[in-house]
Amino acid sequence: MINEQLLERIVLKLKVLAEKPVIIGTRLSVEYILNLLTYGTNIGEILEEYEGLRPEDIHACILFACKSIANTTLISVV
């Protein structure tokens, strides 16, 4: 699946989760999925827990995050 097709799986809608990006057709935010992955939940476990999700949905969340920070400069605060 190409990047554009993956990104079409992520939407921003008024009045849905405070306009956070979500997986289309769900109320699961990109942030929530990334947090699950960060704390060790694997893709298989996420798909098991949330019936109807597809691996492409998880990949779309990761790609969305990558694209979101691609042109961001991070400054160390330490």
PDB file of N, CA and C in Angstrom:
ATOM      1  N   MET A   1       0.860  -1.180   0.000  1.00  0.00           N
ATOM      2  CA  MET A   1       0.000   0.000   0.000  1.00  0.00           C
ATOM      3  C   MET A   1       0.897   1.231   0.000  1.00  0.00           C
ATOM      4  N   ILE A   2       0.609   2.186  -0.854  1.00  0.00           N
ATOM      5  CA  ILE A   2       1.442   3.381  -0.937  1.00  0.00           C
ATOM      6  C   ILE A   2       1.063   4.382   0.153  1.00  0.00           C
ATOM      7  N   ASN A   3       1.981   5.312   0.417  1.00  0.00           N
ATOM      8  CA  ASN A   3       1.796   6.271   1.518  1.00  0.00           C
ATOM      9  C   ASN A   3       0.460   6.997   1.467  1.00  0.00           C
ATOM     10  N   GLU A   4       0.072   7.475   0.293  1.00  0.00           N
ATOM     11  CA  GLU A   4      -1.174   8.245   0.193  1.00  0.00           C
ATOM     12  C   GLU A   4      -2.372   7.399   0.595  1.00  0.00           C
ATOM     13  N   GLN A   5      -2.370   6.130   0.194  1.00  0.00           N
ATOM     14  CA  GLN A   5      -3.469   5.242   0.566  1.00  0.00           C
ATOM     15  C   GLN A   5      -3.487   4.998   2.067  1.00  0.00           C
ATOM     16  N   LEU A   6      -2.320   4.836   2.662  1.00  0.00           N
ATOM     17  CA  LEU A   6      -2.263   4.655   4.110  1.00  0.00           C
ATOM     18  C   LEU A   6      -2.788   5.890   4.825  1.00  0.00           C
ATOM     19  N   LEU A   7      -2.348   7.058   4.388  1.00  0.00           N
ATOM     20  CA  LEU A   7      -2.761   8.289   5.067  1.00  0.00           C
ATOM     21  C   LEU A   7      -4.251   8.562   4.932  1.00  0.00           C
ATOM     22  N   GLU A   8      -4.901   8.019   3.913  1.00  0.00           N
ATOM     23  CA  GLU A   8      -6.346   8.170   3.779  1.00  0.00           C
ATOM     24  C   GLU A   8      -7.095   7.443   4.890  1.00  0.00           C
ATOM     25  N   ARG A   9      -6.420   6.569   5.604  1.00  0.00           N
ATOM     26  CA  ARG A   9      -7.042   5.826   6.704  1.00  0.00           C
ATOM     27  C   ARG A   9      -7.106   6.666   7.981  1.00  0.00           C
ATOM     28  N   ILE A  10      -6.442   7.818   7.979  1.00  0.00           N
ATOM     29  CA  ILE A  10      -6.428   8.710   9.138  1.00  0.00           C
ATOM     30  C   ILE A  10      -7.248   9.953   8.809  1.00  0.00           C
ATOM     31  N   VAL A  11      -8.161  10.319   9.706  1.00  0.00           N
ATOM     32  CA  VAL A  11      -9.027  11.479   9.469  1.00  0.00           C
ATOM     33  C   VAL A  11      -9.044  12.390  10.687  1.00  0.00           C
ATOM     34  N   LEU A  12      -9.357  13.654  10.414  1.00  0.00           N
ATOM     35  CA  LEU A  12      -9.596  14.644  11.471  1.00  0.00           C
ATOM     36  C   LEU A  12     -11.020  15.135  11.269  1.00  0.00           C
ATOM     37  N   LYS A  13     -11.857  14.965  12.270  1.00  0.00           N
ATOM     38  CA  LYS A  13     -13.246  15.403  12.155  1.00  0.00           C
ATOM     39  C   LYS A  13     -13.589  16.309  13.321  1.00  0.00           C
ATOM     40  N   LEU A  14     -14.346  17.348  13.012  1.00  0.00           N
ATOM     41  CA  LEU A  14     -14.823  18.225  14.063  1.00  0.00           C
ATOM     42  C   LEU A  14     -15.639  17.423  15.062  1.00  0.00           C
ATOM     43  N   LYS A  15     -15.482  17.723  16.310  1.00  0.00           N
ATOM     44  CA  LYS A  15     -16.250  17.123  17.399  1.00  0.00           C
ATOM     45  C   LYS A  15     -15.990  15.632  17.606  1.00  0.00           C
ATOM     46  N   VAL A  16     -14.916  15.091  17.039  1.00  0.00           N
ATOM     47  CA  VAL A  16     -14.544  13.701  17.307  1.00  0.00           C
ATOM     48  C   VAL A  16     -13.186  13.716  17.994  1.00  0.00           C
ATOM     49  N   LEU A  17     -13.177  13.307  19.240  1.00  0.00           N
ATOM     50  CA  LEU A  17     -11.952  13.254  20.047  1.00  0.00           C
ATOM     51  C   LEU A  17     -11.174  14.561  20.000  1.00  0.00           C
ATOM     52  N   ALA A  18     -11.879  15.649  20.150  1.00  0.00           N
ATOM     53  CA  ALA A  18     -11.254  16.982  20.180  1.00  0.00           C
ATOM     54  C   ALA A  18     -10.403  17.234  18.943  1.00  0.00           C
ATOM     55  N   GLU A  19     -10.870  16.754  17.812  1.00  0.00           N
ATOM     56  CA  GLU A  19     -10.205  16.932  16.519  1.00  0.00           C
ATOM     57  C   GLU A  19      -8.839  16.265  16.440  1.00  0.00           C
ATOM     58  N   LYS A  20      -8.613  15.250  17.246  1.00  0.00           N
ATOM     59  CA  LYS A  20      -7.372  14.482  17.135  1.00  0.00           C
ATOM     60  C   LYS A  20      -7.489  13.579  15.915  1.00  0.00           C
ATOM     61  N   PRO A  21      -6.368  13.262  15.278  1.00  0.00           N
ATOM     62  CA  PRO A  21      -6.426  12.333  14.158  1.00  0.00           C
ATOM     63  C   PRO A  21      -6.821  10.944  14.642  1.00  0.00           C
ATOM     64  N   VAL A  22      -7.788  10.343  13.942  1.00  0.00           N
ATOM     65  CA  VAL A  22      -8.287   9.016  14.299  1.00  0.00           C
ATOM     66  C   VAL A  22      -8.256   8.104  13.079  1.00  0.00           C
ATOM     67  N   ILE A  23      -8.298   6.810  13.347  1.00  0.00           N
ATOM     68  CA  ILE A  23      -8.418   5.826  12.277  1.00  0.00           C
ATOM     69  C   ILE A  23      -9.841   5.905  11.754  1.00  0.00           C
ATOM     70  N   ILE A  24      -9.973   6.014  10.438  1.00  0.00           N
ATOM     71  CA  ILE A  24     -11.277   6.179   9.817  1.00  0.00           C
ATOM     72  C   ILE A  24     -12.238   5.073  10.265  1.00  0.00           C
ATOM     73  N   GLY A  25     -13.446   5.476  10.587  1.00  0.00           N
ATOM     74  CA  GLY A  25     -14.466   4.526  11.008  1.00  0.00           C
ATOM     75  C   GLY A  25     -14.368   4.098  12.458  1.00  0.00           C
ATOM     76  N   THR A  26     -13.457   4.725  13.217  1.00  0.00           N
ATOM     77  CA  THR A  26     -13.285   4.359  14.628  1.00  0.00           C
ATOM     78  C   THR A  26     -13.198   5.630  15.472  1.00  0.00           C
ATOM     79  N   ARG A  27     -13.103   5.424  16.761  1.00  0.00           N
ATOM     80  CA  ARG A  27     -12.797   6.520  17.677  1.00  0.00           C
ATOM     81  C   ARG A  27     -11.428   6.270  18.312  1.00  0.00           C
ATOM     82  N   LEU A  28     -10.585   5.546  17.608  1.00  0.00           N
ATOM     83  CA  LEU A  28      -9.231   5.254  18.080  1.00  0.00           C
ATOM     84  C   LEU A  28      -8.279   6.282  17.496  1.00  0.00           C
ATOM     85  N   SER A  29      -7.647   7.037  18.379  1.00  0.00           N
ATOM     86  CA  SER A  29      -6.740   8.086  17.909  1.00  0.00           C
ATOM     87  C   SER A  29      -5.377   7.512  17.549  1.00  0.00           C
ATOM     88  N   VAL A  30      -4.703   8.225  16.679  1.00  0.00           N
ATOM     89  CA  VAL A  30      -3.325   7.884  16.329  1.00  0.00           C
ATOM     90  C   VAL A  30      -2.490   7.868  17.606  1.00  0.00           C
ATOM     91  N   GLU A  31      -2.681   8.857  18.442  1.00  0.00           N
ATOM     92  CA  GLU A  31      -1.941   8.950  19.703  1.00  0.00           C
ATOM     93  C   GLU A  31      -2.133   7.700  20.559  1.00  0.00           C
ATOM     94  N   TYR A  32      -3.366   7.218  20.655  1.00  0.00           N
ATOM     95  CA  TYR A  32      -3.663   6.039  21.471  1.00  0.00           C
ATOM     96  C   TYR A  32      -2.932   4.811  20.928  1.00  0.00           C
ATOM     97  N   ILE A  33      -2.994   4.607  19.622  1.00  0.00           N
ATOM     98  CA  ILE A  33      -2.336   3.455  19.010  1.00  0.00           C
ATOM     99  C   ILE A  33      -0.824   3.543  19.203  1.00  0.00           C
ATOM    100  N   LEU A  34      -0.257   4.729  19.021  1.00  0.00           N
ATOM    101  CA  LEU A  34       1.192   4.891  19.215  1.00  0.00           C
ATOM    102  C   LEU A  34       1.582   4.627  20.656  1.00  0.00           C
ATOM    103  N   ASN A  35       0.754   5.039  21.601  1.00  0.00           N
ATOM    104  CA  ASN A  35       1.037   4.759  23.018  1.00  0.00           C
ATOM    105  C   ASN A  35       1.012   3.264  23.289  1.00  0.00           C
ATOM    106  N   LEU A  36       0.056   2.557  22.707  1.00  0.00           N
ATOM    107  CA  LEU A  36       0.023   1.103  22.881  1.00  0.00           C
ATOM    108  C   LEU A  36       1.324   0.486  22.387  1.00  0.00           C
ATOM    109  N   LEU A  37       1.764   0.897  21.208  1.00  0.00           N
ATOM    110  CA  LEU A  37       3.005   0.366  20.653  1.00  0.00           C
ATOM    111  C   LEU A  37       4.210   0.733  21.514  1.00  0.00           C
ATOM    112  N   THR A  38       4.227   1.965  22.001  1.00  0.00           N
ATOM    113  CA  THR A  38       5.333   2.438  22.831  1.00  0.00           C
ATOM    114  C   THR A  38       5.504   1.596  24.088  1.00  0.00           C
ATOM    115  N   TYR A  39       4.390   1.188  24.690  1.00  0.00           N
ATOM    116  CA  TYR A  39       4.462   0.449  25.942  1.00  0.00           C
ATOM    117  C   TYR A  39       4.442  -1.061  25.746  1.00  0.00           C
ATOM    118  N   GLY A  40       4.767  -1.513  24.509  1.00  0.00           N
ATOM    119  CA  GLY A  40       5.023  -2.927  24.295  1.00  0.00           C
ATOM    120  C   GLY A  40       3.898  -3.764  23.714  1.00  0.00           C
ATOM    121  N   THR A  41       2.754  -3.185  23.463  1.00  0.00           N
ATOM    122  CA  THR A  41       1.686  -3.950  22.831  1.00  0.00           C
ATOM    123  C   THR A  41       2.072  -4.162  21.373  1.00  0.00           C
ATOM    124  N   ASN A  42       2.006  -5.395  20.902  1.00  0.00           N
ATOM    125  CA  ASN A  42       2.386  -5.618  19.514  1.00  0.00           C
ATOM    126  C   ASN A  42       1.166  -5.492  18.601  1.00  0.00           C
ATOM    127  N   ILE A  43       1.430  -5.418  17.314  1.00  0.00           N
ATOM    128  CA  ILE A  43       0.353  -5.196  16.344  1.00  0.00           C
ATOM    129  C   ILE A  43      -0.693  -6.297  16.431  1.00  0.00           C
ATOM    130  N   GLY A  44      -0.259  -7.528  16.592  1.00  0.00           N
ATOM    131  CA  GLY A  44      -1.206  -8.640  16.713  1.00  0.00           C
ATOM    132  C   GLY A  44      -2.147  -8.477  17.887  1.00  0.00           C
ATOM    133  N   GLU A  45      -1.612  -8.039  19.021  1.00  0.00           N
ATOM    134  CA  GLU A  45      -2.447  -7.832  20.206  1.00  0.00           C
ATOM    135  C   GLU A  45      -3.453  -6.702  19.991  1.00  0.00           C
ATOM    136  N   ILE A  46      -3.024  -5.641  19.324  1.00  0.00           N
ATOM    137  CA  ILE A  46      -3.939  -4.525  19.048  1.00  0.00           C
ATOM    138  C   ILE A  46      -5.061  -4.994  18.134  1.00  0.00           C
ATOM    139  N   LEU A  47      -4.712  -5.742  17.101  1.00  0.00           N
ATOM    140  CA  LEU A  47      -5.728  -6.225  16.163  1.00  0.00           C
ATOM    141  C   LEU A  47      -6.702  -7.193  16.839  1.00  0.00           C
ATOM    142  N   GLU A  48      -6.189  -7.981  17.770  1.00  0.00           N
ATOM    143  CA  GLU A  48      -7.040  -8.905  18.528  1.00  0.00           C
ATOM    144  C   GLU A  48      -8.032  -8.141  19.406  1.00  0.00           C
ATOM    145  N   GLU A  49      -7.547  -7.088  20.036  1.00  0.00           N
ATOM    146  CA  GLU A  49      -8.370  -6.314  20.971  1.00  0.00           C
ATOM    147  C   GLU A  49      -9.417  -5.458  20.262  1.00  0.00           C
ATOM    148  N   TYR A  50      -9.089  -4.938  19.096  1.00  0.00           N
ATOM    149  CA  TYR A  50      -9.977  -4.012  18.388  1.00  0.00           C
ATOM    150  C   TYR A  50     -10.406  -4.626  17.068  1.00  0.00           C
ATOM    151  N   GLU A  51     -11.468  -5.399  17.159  1.00  0.00           N
ATOM    152  CA  GLU A  51     -12.022  -6.088  16.003  1.00  0.00           C
ATOM    153  C   GLU A  51     -12.321  -5.094  14.876  1.00  0.00           C
ATOM    154  N   GLY A  52     -11.972  -5.458  13.689  1.00  0.00           N
ATOM    155  CA  GLY A  52     -12.224  -4.577  12.550  1.00  0.00           C
ATOM    156  C   GLY A  52     -11.007  -3.776  12.123  1.00  0.00           C
ATOM    157  N   LEU A  53     -10.040  -3.621  13.026  1.00  0.00           N
ATOM    158  CA  LEU A  53      -8.800  -2.941  12.642  1.00  0.00           C
ATOM    159  C   LEU A  53      -7.994  -3.853  11.741  1.00  0.00           C
ATOM    160  N   ARG A  54      -7.223  -3.252  10.870  1.00  0.00           N
ATOM    161  CA  ARG A  54      -6.351  -4.001   9.974  1.00  0.00           C
ATOM    162  C   ARG A  54      -4.915  -3.562  10.201  1.00  0.00           C
ATOM    163  N   PRO A  55      -3.961  -4.388   9.832  1.00  0.00           N
ATOM    164  CA  PRO A  55      -2.557  -3.995   9.993  1.00  0.00           C
ATOM    165  C   PRO A  55      -2.269  -2.648   9.338  1.00  0.00           C
ATOM    166  N   GLU A  56      -2.924  -2.372   8.212  1.00  0.00           N
ATOM    167  CA  GLU A  56      -2.720  -1.106   7.512  1.00  0.00           C
ATOM    168  C   GLU A  56      -3.098   0.094   8.381  1.00  0.00           C
ATOM    169  N   ASP A  57      -4.068  -0.092   9.272  1.00  0.00           N
ATOM    170  CA  ASP A  57      -4.467   0.992  10.170  1.00  0.00           C
ATOM    171  C   ASP A  57      -3.326   1.353  11.117  1.00  0.00           C
ATOM    172  N   ILE A  58      -2.654   0.343  11.620  1.00  0.00           N
ATOM    173  CA  ILE A  58      -1.525   0.576  12.528  1.00  0.00           C
ATOM    174  C   ILE A  58      -0.380   1.239  11.759  1.00  0.00           C
ATOM    175  N   HIS A  59      -0.101   0.729  10.576  1.00  0.00           N
ATOM    176  CA  HIS A  59       0.960   1.323   9.752  1.00  0.00           C
ATOM    177  C   HIS A  59       0.620   2.763   9.389  1.00  0.00           C
ATOM    178  N   ALA A  60      -0.650   3.037   9.158  1.00  0.00           N
ATOM    179  CA  ALA A  60      -1.073   4.401   8.848  1.00  0.00           C
ATOM    180  C   ALA A  60      -0.798   5.335  10.024  1.00  0.00           C
ATOM    181  N   CYS A  61      -1.012   4.866  11.238  1.00  0.00           N
ATOM    182  CA  CYS A  61      -0.736   5.681  12.429  1.00  0.00           C
ATOM    183  C   CYS A  61       0.752   6.019  12.509  1.00  0.00           C
ATOM    184  N   ILE A  62       1.585   5.036  12.264  1.00  0.00           N
ATOM    185  CA  ILE A  62       3.031   5.264  12.329  1.00  0.00           C
ATOM    186  C   ILE A  62       3.460   6.237  11.236  1.00  0.00           C
ATOM    187  N   LEU A  63       2.956   6.045  10.035  1.00  0.00           N
ATOM    188  CA  LEU A  63       3.295   6.941   8.929  1.00  0.00           C
ATOM    189  C   LEU A  63       2.809   8.354   9.209  1.00  0.00           C
ATOM    190  N   PHE A  64       1.601   8.492   9.746  1.00  0.00           N
ATOM    191  CA  PHE A  64       1.065   9.811  10.075  1.00  0.00           C
ATOM    192  C   PHE A  64       1.984  10.524  11.065  1.00  0.00           C
ATOM    193  N   ALA A  65       2.436   9.800  12.073  1.00  0.00           N
ATOM    194  CA  ALA A  65       3.337  10.386  13.070  1.00  0.00           C
ATOM    195  C   ALA A  65       4.653  10.807  12.425  1.00  0.00           C
ATOM    196  N   CYS A  66       5.187   9.962  11.563  1.00  0.00           N
ATOM    197  CA  CYS A  66       6.446  10.297  10.870  1.00  0.00           C
ATOM    198  C   CYS A  66       6.286  11.556  10.027  1.00  0.00           C
ATOM    199  N   LYS A  67       5.200  11.623   9.276  1.00  0.00           N
ATOM    200  CA  LYS A  67       4.963  12.788   8.424  1.00  0.00           C
ATOM    201  C   LYS A  67       4.733  14.042   9.266  1.00  0.00           C
ATOM    202  N   SER A  68       4.111  13.873  10.425  1.00  0.00           N
ATOM    203  CA  SER A  68       3.805  15.015  11.293  1.00  0.00           C
ATOM    204  C   SER A  68       5.049  15.670  11.866  1.00  0.00           C
ATOM    205  N   ILE A  69       6.087  14.872  12.099  1.00  0.00           N
ATOM    206  CA  ILE A  69       7.307  15.452  12.687  1.00  0.00           C
ATOM    207  C   ILE A  69       8.428  15.637  11.674  1.00  0.00           C
ATOM    208  N   ALA A  70       8.177  15.313  10.426  1.00  0.00           N
ATOM    209  CA  ALA A  70       9.228  15.346   9.405  1.00  0.00           C
ATOM    210  C   ALA A  70       9.915  16.706   9.301  1.00  0.00           C
ATOM    211  N   ASN A  71       9.183  17.768   9.437  1.00  0.00           N
ATOM    212  CA  ASN A  71       9.773  19.107   9.291  1.00  0.00           C
ATOM    213  C   ASN A  71       9.847  19.851  10.620  1.00  0.00           C
ATOM    214  N   THR A  72       9.941  19.100  11.685  1.00  0.00           N
ATOM    215  CA  THR A  72       9.987  19.683  13.017  1.00  0.00           C
ATOM    216  C   THR A  72      11.423  19.677  13.526  1.00  0.00           C
ATOM    217  N   THR A  73      11.836  20.778  14.101  1.00  0.00           N
ATOM    218  CA  THR A  73      13.149  20.852  14.719  1.00  0.00           C
ATOM    219  C   THR A  73      12.953  20.709  16.228  1.00  0.00           C
ATOM    220  N   LEU A  74      13.610  19.733  16.800  1.00  0.00           N
ATOM    221  CA  LEU A  74      13.515  19.528  18.236  1.00  0.00           C
ATOM    222  C   LEU A  74      14.686  20.195  18.917  1.00  0.00           C
ATOM    223  N   ILE A  75      14.398  20.846  20.010  1.00  0.00           N
ATOM    224  CA  ILE A  75      15.425  21.556  20.772  1.00  0.00           C
ATOM    225  C   ILE A  75      15.529  20.900  22.150  1.00  0.00           C
ATOM    226  N   SER A  76      16.738  20.565  22.530  1.00  0.00           N
ATOM    227  CA  SER A  76      16.959  19.956  23.833  1.00  0.00           C
ATOM    228  C   SER A  76      16.690  20.981  24.935  1.00  0.00           C
ATOM    229  N   VAL A  77      15.976  20.541  25.957  1.00  0.00           N
ATOM    230  CA  VAL A  77      15.695  21.434  27.081  1.00  0.00           C
ATOM    231  C   VAL A  77      16.562  21.105  28.295  1.00  0.00           C
ATOM    232  N   VAL A  78      17.455  20.174  28.139  1.00  0.00           N
ATOM    233  CA  VAL A  78      18.328  19.755  29.250  1.00  0.00           C
ATOM    234  C   VAL A  78      19.622  20.520  29.202  1.00  0.00           C
TER     235      VAL A  78
END
